[in-house]
C-alpha atoms as a PDB file:
ATOM      1  CA  MET A   1      37.904  35.376  55.018  1.00  0.00           C
ATOM      2  CA  THR A   2      35.144  33.279  56.606  1.00  0.00           C
ATOM      3  CA  GLY A   3      31.553  33.843  56.641  1.00  0.00           C
ATOM      4  CA  ALA A   4      31.285  36.370  54.220  1.00  0.00           C
ATOM      5  CA  GLY A   5      32.505  34.798  51.070  1.00  0.00           C
ATOM      6  CA  ASN A   6      33.472  37.257  48.568  1.00  0.00           C
ATOM      7  CA  LEU A   7      33.024  41.025  49.354  1.00  0.00           C
ATOM      8  CA  VAL A   8      31.451  42.697  46.209  1.00  0.00           C
ATOM      9  CA  LEU A   9      31.625  46.204  45.687  1.00  0.00           C
ATOM     10  CA  ILE A  10      29.019  47.973  43.328  1.00  0.00           C
ATOM     11  CA  GLY A  11      28.160  51.673  42.476  1.00  0.00           C
ATOM     12  CA  MET A  12      28.489  54.608  39.863  1.00  0.00           C
ATOM     13  CA  PRO A  13      31.799  55.106  37.819  1.00  0.00           C
ATOM     14  CA  GLY A  14      33.866  57.248  40.176  1.00  0.00           C
ATOM     15  CA  ALA A  15      32.880  55.809  43.320  1.00  0.00           C
ATOM     16  CA  GLY A  16      35.959  54.478  44.203  1.00  0.00           C
ATOM     17  CA  LYS A  17      35.117  50.593  43.703  1.00  0.00           C
ATOM     18  CA  SER A  18      38.658  49.596  42.370  1.00  0.00           C
ATOM     19  CA  THR A  19      40.640  51.872  45.017  1.00  0.00           C
ATOM     20  CA  VAL A  20      38.700  50.751  48.153  1.00  0.00           C
ATOM     21  CA  GLY A  21      38.456  47.108  46.697  1.00  0.00           C
ATOM     22  CA  ALA A  22      42.219  47.067  46.387  1.00  0.00           C
ATOM     23  CA  LEU A  23      42.853  48.691  49.802  1.00  0.00           C
ATOM     24  CA  LEU A  24      40.274  46.589  51.433  1.00  0.00           C
ATOM     25  CA  ALA A  25      41.715  43.236  49.785  1.00  0.00           C
ATOM     26  CA  ARG A  26      45.143  44.059  51.217  1.00  0.00           C
ATOM     27  CA  ARG A  27      44.055  44.937  54.748  1.00  0.00           C
ATOM     28  CA  LEU A  28      42.264  41.824  54.756  1.00  0.00           C
ATOM     29  CA  ASN A  29      44.879  39.631  52.968  1.00  0.00           C
ATOM     30  CA  ILE A  30      42.838  38.457  50.410  1.00  0.00           C
ATOM     31  CA  PRO A  31      42.779  38.415  46.647  1.00  0.00           C
ATOM     32  CA  PHE A  32      41.319  41.304  44.601  1.00  0.00           C
ATOM     33  CA  ILE A  33      39.629  40.939  41.530  1.00  0.00           C
ATOM     34  CA  ASP A  34      38.628  43.896  39.156  1.00  0.00           C
ATOM     35  CA  ILE A  35      35.883  42.854  36.627  1.00  0.00           C
ATOM     36  CA  ASP A  36      36.885  45.811  34.355  1.00  0.00           C
ATOM     37  CA  GLU A  37      40.569  44.708  34.012  1.00  0.00           C
ATOM     38  CA  LEU A  38      39.431  41.234  33.801  1.00  0.00           C
ATOM     39  CA  MET A  39      37.292  42.598  30.761  1.00  0.00           C
ATOM     40  CA  ILE A  40      40.075  44.415  29.176  1.00  0.00           C
ATOM     41  CA  ALA A  41      42.392  41.332  29.384  1.00  0.00           C
ATOM     42  CA  ARG A  42      39.921  39.440  27.585  1.00  0.00           C
ATOM     43  CA  ARG A  43      39.531  41.601  24.892  1.00  0.00           C
ATOM     44  CA  GLY A  44      43.260  43.071  24.533  1.00  0.00           C
ATOM     45  CA  ARG A  45      42.042  46.650  24.748  1.00  0.00           C
ATOM     46  CA  PRO A  46      40.677  49.497  26.822  1.00  0.00           C
ATOM     47  CA  LEU A  47      36.844  49.543  28.084  1.00  0.00           C
ATOM     48  CA  GLN A  48      36.019  52.737  25.773  1.00  0.00           C
ATOM     49  CA  LYS A  49      37.500  50.941  22.623  1.00  0.00           C
ATOM     50  CA  ILE A  50      35.451  47.777  23.444  1.00  0.00           C
ATOM     51  CA  ILE A  51      32.442  50.235  23.591  1.00  0.00           C
ATOM     52  CA  ASP A  52      33.722  52.157  20.313  1.00  0.00           C
ATOM     53  CA  THR A  53      34.035  48.737  18.149  1.00  0.00           C
ATOM     54  CA  GLU A  54      31.622  46.524  19.568  1.00  0.00           C
ATOM     55  CA  GLY A  55      28.798  48.622  20.983  1.00  0.00           C
ATOM     56  CA  LEU A  56      26.924  48.791  24.478  1.00  0.00           C
ATOM     57  CA  GLN A  57      25.117  45.617  23.893  1.00  0.00           C
ATOM     58  CA  ALA A  58      28.297  43.798  23.276  1.00  0.00           C
ATOM     59  CA  PHE A  59      30.031  45.534  26.140  1.00  0.00           C
ATOM     60  CA  ALA A  60      26.785  44.459  28.805  1.00  0.00           C
ATOM     61  CA  ARG A  61      27.031  40.868  27.326  1.00  0.00           C
ATOM     62  CA  LEU A  62      31.107  40.672  27.829  1.00  0.00           C
ATOM     63  CA  GLU A  63      30.573  42.066  31.174  1.00  0.00           C
ATOM     64  CA  GLU A  64      27.750  39.456  32.089  1.00  0.00           C
ATOM     65  CA  GLU A  65      29.880  36.521  30.714  1.00  0.00           C
ATOM     66  CA  THR A  66      32.928  37.790  32.828  1.00  0.00           C
ATOM     67  CA  ILE A  67      31.065  37.918  35.947  1.00  0.00           C
ATOM     68  CA  LEU A  68      29.356  34.519  35.562  1.00  0.00           C
ATOM     69  CA  ALA A  69      32.652  32.981  34.507  1.00  0.00           C
ATOM     70  CA  LEU A  70      34.360  34.159  37.515  1.00  0.00           C
ATOM     71  CA  ASP A  71      35.374  31.490  39.943  1.00  0.00           C
ATOM     72  CA  ALA A  72      36.275  33.421  43.058  1.00  0.00           C
ATOM     73  CA  ALA A  73      36.126  32.559  46.953  1.00  0.00           C
ATOM     74  CA  ALA A  74      37.160  34.649  49.869  1.00  0.00           C
ATOM     75  CA  SER A  75      38.067  37.720  47.544  1.00  0.00           C
ATOM     76  CA  VAL A  76      37.140  41.370  47.132  1.00  0.00           C
ATOM     77  CA  ILE A  77      35.461  42.256  43.742  1.00  0.00           C
ATOM     78  CA  ALA A  78      35.205  45.392  42.293  1.00  0.00           C
ATOM     79  CA  THR A  79      32.417  45.473  39.527  1.00  0.00           C
ATOM     80  CA  GLY A  80      31.856  47.903  36.503  1.00  0.00           C
ATOM     81  CA  GLY A  81      29.166  50.270  37.232  1.00  0.00           C
ATOM     82  CA  SER A  82      26.892  48.726  34.824  1.00  0.00           C
ATOM     83  CA  ALA A  83      27.126  45.210  36.380  1.00  0.00           C
ATOM     84  CA  VAL A  84      23.774  45.906  37.815  1.00  0.00           C
ATOM     85  CA  TYR A  85      21.799  45.916  34.758  1.00  0.00           C
ATOM     86  CA  SER A  86      22.318  42.281  34.513  1.00  0.00           C
ATOM     87  CA  VAL A  87      20.123  40.154  37.060  1.00  0.00           C
ATOM     88  CA  ALA A  88      22.037  36.994  36.292  1.00  0.00           C
ATOM     89  CA  ALA A  89      25.155  38.448  37.212  1.00  0.00           C
ATOM     90  CA  MET A  90      24.012  40.031  40.237  1.00  0.00           C
ATOM     91  CA  THR A  91      22.132  37.122  41.306  1.00  0.00           C
ATOM     92  CA  ALA A  92      25.659  35.131  40.833  1.00  0.00           C
ATOM     93  CA  LEU A  93      27.476  37.561  42.860  1.00  0.00           C
ATOM     94  CA  GLY A  94      25.099  38.055  45.803  1.00  0.00           C
ATOM     95  CA  ARG A  95      25.012  34.046  46.127  1.00  0.00           C
ATOM     96  CA  ASP A  96      28.684  33.868  46.727  1.00  0.00           C
ATOM     97  CA  GLY A  97      29.213  37.055  48.755  1.00  0.00           C
ATOM     98  CA  THR A  98      27.967  40.312  50.377  1.00  0.00           C
ATOM     99  CA  ILE A  99      27.320  42.923  48.058  1.00  0.00           C
ATOM    100  CA  ILE A 100      28.398  46.530  49.334  1.00  0.00           C
ATOM    101  CA  PHE A 101      27.272  49.782  47.755  1.00  0.00           C
ATOM    102  CA  LEU A 102      29.305  52.609  47.565  1.00  0.00           C
ATOM    103  CA  ASP A 103      26.875  55.351  47.595  1.00  0.00           C
ATOM    104  CA  LEU A 104      28.483  58.692  46.798  1.00  0.00           C
ATOM    105  CA  PRO A 105      26.266  61.823  45.772  1.00  0.00           C
ATOM    106  CA  LEU A 106      25.823  62.787  42.419  1.00  0.00           C
ATOM    107  CA  GLN A 107      27.634  66.015  42.785  1.00  0.00           C
ATOM    108  CA  GLU A 108      30.909  64.256  44.189  1.00  0.00           C
ATOM    109  CA  LEU A 109      30.696  61.664  41.175  1.00  0.00           C
ATOM    110  CA  GLU A 110      30.422  64.390  38.450  1.00  0.00           C
ATOM    111  CA  GLU A 111      33.555  65.995  39.882  1.00  0.00           C
ATOM    112  CA  ARG A 112      35.367  62.916  39.776  1.00  0.00           C
ATOM    113  CA  ILE A 113      34.177  61.868  36.238  1.00  0.00           C
ATOM    114  CA  SER A 114      35.869  64.674  34.010  1.00  0.00           C
ATOM    115  CA  ASP A 115      35.205  62.895  30.791  1.00  0.00           C
ATOM    116  CA  MET A 116      32.396  60.419  30.089  1.00  0.00           C
ATOM    117  CA  THR A 117      33.562  59.733  26.550  1.00  0.00           C
ATOM    118  CA  THR A 118      36.881  58.170  27.326  1.00  0.00           C
ATOM    119  CA  ARG A 119      36.219  56.105  30.618  1.00  0.00           C
ATOM    120  CA  GLY A 120      34.561  53.272  28.948  1.00  0.00           C
ATOM    121  CA  MET A 121      30.971  53.794  30.555  1.00  0.00           C
ATOM    122  CA  VAL A 122      27.633  52.291  29.409  1.00  0.00           C
ATOM    123  CA  ILE A 123      25.787  55.405  28.516  1.00  0.00           C
ATOM    124  CA  ALA A 124      23.511  56.081  25.852  1.00  0.00           C
ATOM    125  CA  PRO A 125      24.734  59.150  23.755  1.00  0.00           C
ATOM    126  CA  GLU A 126      21.564  61.103  24.518  1.00  0.00           C
ATOM    127  CA  THR A 127      21.827  60.444  28.364  1.00  0.00           C
ATOM    128  CA  THR A 128      23.320  62.626  30.888  1.00  0.00           C
ATOM    129  CA  PHE A 129      25.355  61.474  33.844  1.00  0.00           C
ATOM    130  CA  ALA A 130      22.715  62.679  36.086  1.00  0.00           C
ATOM    131  CA  GLU A 131      20.041  60.492  34.352  1.00  0.00           C
ATOM    132  CA  LEU A 132      22.452  57.831  34.474  1.00  0.00           C
ATOM    133  CA  TYR A 133      22.627  58.195  38.122  1.00  0.00           C
ATOM    134  CA  ARG A 134      19.024  58.113  38.490  1.00  0.00           C
ATOM    135  CA  GLN A 135      18.527  55.056  36.497  1.00  0.00           C
ATOM    136  CA  ARG A 136      21.106  53.118  38.290  1.00  0.00           C
ATOM    137  CA  ARG A 137      20.945  54.235  41.933  1.00  0.00           C
ATOM    138  CA  PRO A 138      17.601  52.408  42.769  1.00  0.00           C
ATOM    139  CA  LEU A 139      19.367  48.954  41.269  1.00  0.00           C
ATOM    140  CA  TYR A 140      22.320  49.291  43.394  1.00  0.00           C
ATOM    141  CA  ARG A 141      20.127  49.666  46.519  1.00  0.00           C
ATOM    142  CA  ARG A 142      17.887  46.602  45.541  1.00  0.00           C
ATOM    143  CA  HIS A 143      20.983  44.456  45.049  1.00  0.00           C
ATOM    144  CA  ALA A 144      23.170  45.862  47.997  1.00  0.00           C
ATOM    145  CA  ASP A 145      23.341  43.961  51.087  1.00  0.00           C
ATOM    146  CA  LEU A 146      25.036  46.962  52.715  1.00  0.00           C
ATOM    147  CA  VAL A 147      25.449  50.471  51.825  1.00  0.00           C
ATOM    148  CA  ILE A 148      28.165  52.739  52.430  1.00  0.00           C
ATOM    149  CA  VAL A 149      27.726  56.648  52.273  1.00  0.00           C
ATOM    150  CA  PRO A 150      31.468  57.726  51.967  1.00  0.00           C
ATOM    151  CA  GLY A 151      30.621  61.298  53.434  1.00  0.00           C
ATOM    152  CA  GLY A 152      33.990  62.792  52.121  1.00  0.00           C
ATOM    153  CA  ARG A 153      35.929  59.948  53.952  1.00  0.00           C
ATOM    154  CA  ARG A 154      39.113  58.944  52.122  1.00  0.00           C
ATOM    155  CA  PRO A 155      39.539  55.363  50.661  1.00  0.00           C
ATOM    156  CA  ALA A 156      41.563  54.033  53.790  1.00  0.00           C
ATOM    157  CA  GLU A 157      38.798  55.264  56.304  1.00  0.00           C
ATOM    158  CA  LEU A 158      36.134  53.692  54.203  1.00  0.00           C
ATOM    159  CA  VAL A 159      37.905  50.281  54.297  1.00  0.00           C
ATOM    160  CA  ILE A 160      38.104  50.398  58.116  1.00  0.00           C
ATOM    161  CA  ASP A 161      34.301  51.471  57.986  1.00  0.00           C
ATOM    162  CA  ILE A 162      33.683  48.370  55.823  1.00  0.00           C
ATOM    163  CA  GLU A 163      35.323  46.188  57.920  1.00  0.00           C
ATOM    164  CA  ASP A 164      33.929  47.476  61.391  1.00  0.00           C
ATOM    165  CA  LEU A 165      30.331  47.053  59.459  1.00  0.00           C
ATOM    166  CA  LEU A 166      31.109  43.327  58.395  1.00  0.00           C
ATOM    167  CA  ARG A 167      32.115  42.361  62.046  1.00  0.00           C
ATOM    168  CA  ARG A 168      29.070  43.933  63.483  1.00  0.00           C
ATOM    169  CA  ARG A 169      27.020  42.030  61.231  1.00  0.00           C
ATOM    170  CA  GLY A 170      28.783  39.008  62.297  1.00  0.00           C
ATOM    171  CA  LEU A 171      30.935  38.227  59.438  1.00  0.00           C
ATOM    172  CA  THR A 172      34.347  36.933  60.674  1.00  0.00           C
ATOM    173  CA  LEU A 173      37.215  38.412  58.357  1.00  0.00           C
ATOM    174  CA  GLY A 174      40.855  36.587  58.044  1.00  0.00           C
ATOM    175  CA  ARG A 175      44.047  37.716  57.589  1.00  0.00           C
END
């Protein structure tokens, strides 16, 4: 891909960042990087186990360190939902790419997230998913170069929409 650098997907847990990201990378014939998977590989255990054993602050540090250590070019990157809490991480991602916010409505996200206690989500025990959504959504919007509102479309349709939007913005995509 030329002109766009990396394509970075941000959004709430359940927004489809990993699914859409993998499909988009395949369509563009470029690498796909999932930050959550990198974190799992670094610690050798699932995200929720990292949170349970190391705590939310250590998890956030790991996420930031993983993003800051990333050496990627012309790749699709799916971030964890909490990446937007790190200004340093988001600045680095934005410097090297176009940040795309997958903006799903709260109701649809809640339908997709059945169990918050096993997902590996950075959320304080007393916070509801709706509160988390209200806290994060302004951060996603602030960091986003582009906002995609899925509107019930399937991941493959979103990939085509993203590709079209990037072209309309003058970003040349290579295959």
